[in-house]
Amino acid sequence: MTRREALDDPQIAATAWRRFRRIMAGMALGGALCVGAALLFLRWWAGPMPIHMVIATVIGVFLTFMLGTGLMALAFLSAGTGHDEQVMDRLKDEVPIDD
């Protein structure tokens, strides 16, 4: 890689990471709303819950939501900055393409 592109440029990288943090902050609010919806549904469906179930639900729903959000945001960050185009496929000439 001889050219400076995508995340190699500090200005592009700073902009991309700022956008990533903004997306994650907004989605943290969405995760909190999902946690609230899950707790309301469980309260309606099962009645009063022990504190351990509430804690497990909060942690499980929020972390699952944020993990999915983080992975998708990183995929968009990588594609949006041109970082994906920098990858060199060294095996493309070795693998036969069957049509």
C-alpha atoms as a PDB file:
ATOM      1  CA  MET A   1       0.000   0.000   0.000  1.00  0.00           C
ATOM      2  CA  THR A   2       1.812   3.081  -1.211  1.00  0.00           C
ATOM      3  CA  ARG A   3      -1.003   5.643  -1.310  1.00  0.00           C
ATOM      4  CA  ARG A   4      -2.492   7.322   1.742  1.00  0.00           C
ATOM      5  CA  GLU A   5      -6.235   6.857   1.513  1.00  0.00           C
ATOM      6  CA  ALA A   6      -9.205   6.183   3.672  1.00  0.00           C
ATOM      7  CA  LEU A   7      -8.363   5.766   7.330  1.00  0.00           C
ATOM      8  CA  ASP A   8      -4.652   6.397   6.694  1.00  0.00           C
ATOM      9  CA  ASP A   9      -5.449  10.111   6.305  1.00  0.00           C
ATOM     10  CA  PRO A  10      -5.798  11.589   9.829  1.00  0.00           C
ATOM     11  CA  GLN A  11      -8.520  14.033   8.788  1.00  0.00           C
ATOM     12  CA  ILE A  12     -10.677  11.330   7.194  1.00  0.00           C
ATOM     13  CA  ALA A  13     -10.050   9.025  10.164  1.00  0.00           C
ATOM     14  CA  ALA A  14     -11.051  11.709  12.682  1.00  0.00           C
ATOM     15  CA  THR A  15     -14.244  12.450  10.757  1.00  0.00           C
ATOM     16  CA  ALA A  16     -15.080   8.762  10.438  1.00  0.00           C
ATOM     17  CA  TRP A  17     -14.535   8.015  14.124  1.00  0.00           C
ATOM     18  CA  ARG A  18     -16.550  11.087  15.138  1.00  0.00           C
ATOM     19  CA  ARG A  19     -19.402   9.794  12.970  1.00  0.00           C
ATOM     20  CA  PHE A  20     -19.024   6.321  14.511  1.00  0.00           C
ATOM     21  CA  ARG A  21     -19.230   7.721  18.054  1.00  0.00           C
ATOM     22  CA  ARG A  22     -22.304   9.792  17.108  1.00  0.00           C
ATOM     23  CA  ILE A  23     -24.022   6.702  15.673  1.00  0.00           C
ATOM     24  CA  MET A  24     -23.180   4.668  18.770  1.00  0.00           C
ATOM     25  CA  ALA A  25     -24.446   7.384  21.126  1.00  0.00           C
ATOM     26  CA  GLY A  26     -27.742   7.569  19.268  1.00  0.00           C
ATOM     27  CA  MET A  27     -28.061   3.815  19.226  1.00  0.00           C
ATOM     28  CA  ALA A  28     -27.334   3.628  22.966  1.00  0.00           C
ATOM     29  CA  LEU A  29     -30.550   5.605  23.396  1.00  0.00           C
ATOM     30  CA  GLY A  30     -32.284   3.110  21.113  1.00  0.00           C
ATOM     31  CA  GLY A  31     -30.845   0.277  23.214  1.00  0.00           C
ATOM     32  CA  ALA A  32     -32.209   1.863  26.373  1.00  0.00           C
ATOM     33  CA  LEU A  33     -35.637   2.072  24.738  1.00  0.00           C
ATOM     34  CA  CYS A  34     -35.414  -1.614  23.791  1.00  0.00           C
ATOM     35  CA  VAL A  35     -34.483  -2.497  27.376  1.00  0.00           C
ATOM     36  CA  GLY A  36     -37.496  -0.559  28.634  1.00  0.00           C
ATOM     37  CA  ALA A  37     -39.778  -2.280  26.117  1.00  0.00           C
ATOM     38  CA  ALA A  38     -38.410  -5.701  27.089  1.00  0.00           C
ATOM     39  CA  LEU A  39     -38.932  -5.012  30.789  1.00  0.00           C
ATOM     40  CA  LEU A  40     -42.481  -3.760  30.192  1.00  0.00           C
ATOM     41  CA  PHE A  41     -43.302  -6.819  28.090  1.00  0.00           C
ATOM     42  CA  LEU A  42     -41.884  -9.208  30.692  1.00  0.00           C
ATOM     43  CA  ARG A  43     -43.775  -7.411  33.456  1.00  0.00           C
ATOM     44  CA  TRP A  44     -47.008  -7.738  31.460  1.00  0.00           C
ATOM     45  CA  TRP A  45     -46.369 -11.368  30.471  1.00  0.00           C
ATOM     46  CA  ALA A  46     -44.878 -12.803  33.683  1.00  0.00           C
ATOM     47  CA  GLY A  47     -45.856 -10.325  36.379  1.00  0.00           C
ATOM     48  CA  PRO A  48     -43.428  -9.025  38.995  1.00  0.00           C
ATOM     49  CA  MET A  49     -39.858 -10.176  38.394  1.00  0.00           C
ATOM     50  CA  PRO A  50     -37.008 -10.852  40.810  1.00  0.00           C
ATOM     51  CA  ILE A  51     -34.235  -8.267  40.750  1.00  0.00           C
ATOM     52  CA  HIS A  52     -31.801 -10.800  39.284  1.00  0.00           C
ATOM     53  CA  MET A  53     -34.076 -11.309  36.278  1.00  0.00           C
ATOM     54  CA  VAL A  54     -34.358  -7.560  35.771  1.00  0.00           C
ATOM     55  CA  ILE A  55     -30.571  -7.135  35.926  1.00  0.00           C
ATOM     56  CA  ALA A  56     -29.992 -10.066  33.541  1.00  0.00           C
ATOM     57  CA  THR A  57     -32.588  -8.691  31.125  1.00  0.00           C
ATOM     58  CA  VAL A  58     -31.081  -5.200  31.167  1.00  0.00           C
ATOM     59  CA  ILE A  59     -27.542  -6.469  30.608  1.00  0.00           C
ATOM     60  CA  GLY A  60     -28.521  -9.079  28.018  1.00  0.00           C
ATOM     61  CA  VAL A  61     -30.779  -6.879  25.908  1.00  0.00           C
ATOM     62  CA  PHE A  62     -28.538  -3.815  26.030  1.00  0.00           C
ATOM     63  CA  LEU A  63     -25.263  -5.617  25.289  1.00  0.00           C
ATOM     64  CA  THR A  64     -26.811  -7.658  22.479  1.00  0.00           C
ATOM     65  CA  PHE A  65     -28.277  -4.503  20.947  1.00  0.00           C
ATOM     66  CA  MET A  66     -24.998  -2.599  21.228  1.00  0.00           C
ATOM     67  CA  LEU A  67     -22.919  -5.491  19.861  1.00  0.00           C
ATOM     68  CA  GLY A  68     -25.067  -5.688  16.736  1.00  0.00           C
ATOM     69  CA  THR A  69     -25.061  -1.918  16.379  1.00  0.00           C
ATOM     70  CA  GLY A  70     -21.290  -1.700  16.812  1.00  0.00           C
ATOM     71  CA  LEU A  71     -20.557  -4.377  14.233  1.00  0.00           C
ATOM     72  CA  MET A  72     -22.886  -2.819  11.665  1.00  0.00           C
ATOM     73  CA  ALA A  73     -21.513   0.678  12.352  1.00  0.00           C
ATOM     74  CA  LEU A  74     -17.955  -0.595  11.833  1.00  0.00           C
ATOM     75  CA  ALA A  75     -18.998  -2.226   8.557  1.00  0.00           C
ATOM     76  CA  PHE A  76     -20.492   1.088   7.395  1.00  0.00           C
ATOM     77  CA  LEU A  77     -17.397   2.955   8.603  1.00  0.00           C
ATOM     78  CA  SER A  78     -15.124   0.621   6.656  1.00  0.00           C
ATOM     79  CA  ALA A  79     -17.179   0.803   3.470  1.00  0.00           C
ATOM     80  CA  GLY A  80     -17.879   4.531   3.707  1.00  0.00           C
ATOM     81  CA  THR A  81     -14.255   5.591   4.046  1.00  0.00           C
ATOM     82  CA  GLY A  82     -12.911   3.472   1.195  1.00  0.00           C
ATOM     83  CA  HIS A  83     -10.985   1.231   3.571  1.00  0.00           C
ATOM     84  CA  ASP A  84     -12.479  -1.886   1.940  1.00  0.00           C
ATOM     85  CA  GLU A  85     -11.067  -0.933  -1.449  1.00  0.00           C
ATOM     86  CA  GLN A  86      -7.531  -0.916  -0.045  1.00  0.00           C
ATOM     87  CA  VAL A  87      -7.529  -4.654   0.550  1.00  0.00           C
ATOM     88  CA  MET A  88      -5.353  -6.534  -1.929  1.00  0.00           C
ATOM     89  CA  ASP A  89      -6.635  -9.992  -2.865  1.00  0.00           C
ATOM     90  CA  ARG A  90      -3.451 -11.989  -3.461  1.00  0.00           C
ATOM     91  CA  LEU A  91      -5.386 -15.168  -4.311  1.00  0.00           C
ATOM     92  CA  LYS A  92      -7.661 -13.754  -7.007  1.00  0.00           C
ATOM     93  CA  ASP A  93      -5.413 -15.066  -9.793  1.00  0.00           C
ATOM     94  CA  GLU A  94      -5.030 -18.494  -8.174  1.00  0.00           C
ATOM     95  CA  VAL A  95      -8.686 -19.330  -7.646  1.00  0.00           C
ATOM     96  CA  PRO A  96     -10.486 -20.492 -10.805  1.00  0.00           C
ATOM     97  CA  ILE A  97     -13.877 -18.933 -11.459  1.00  0.00           C
ATOM     98  CA  ASP A  98     -16.494 -21.484 -12.520  1.00  0.00           C
ATOM     99  CA  ASP A  99     -19.270 -19.974 -14.605  1.00  0.00           C
END
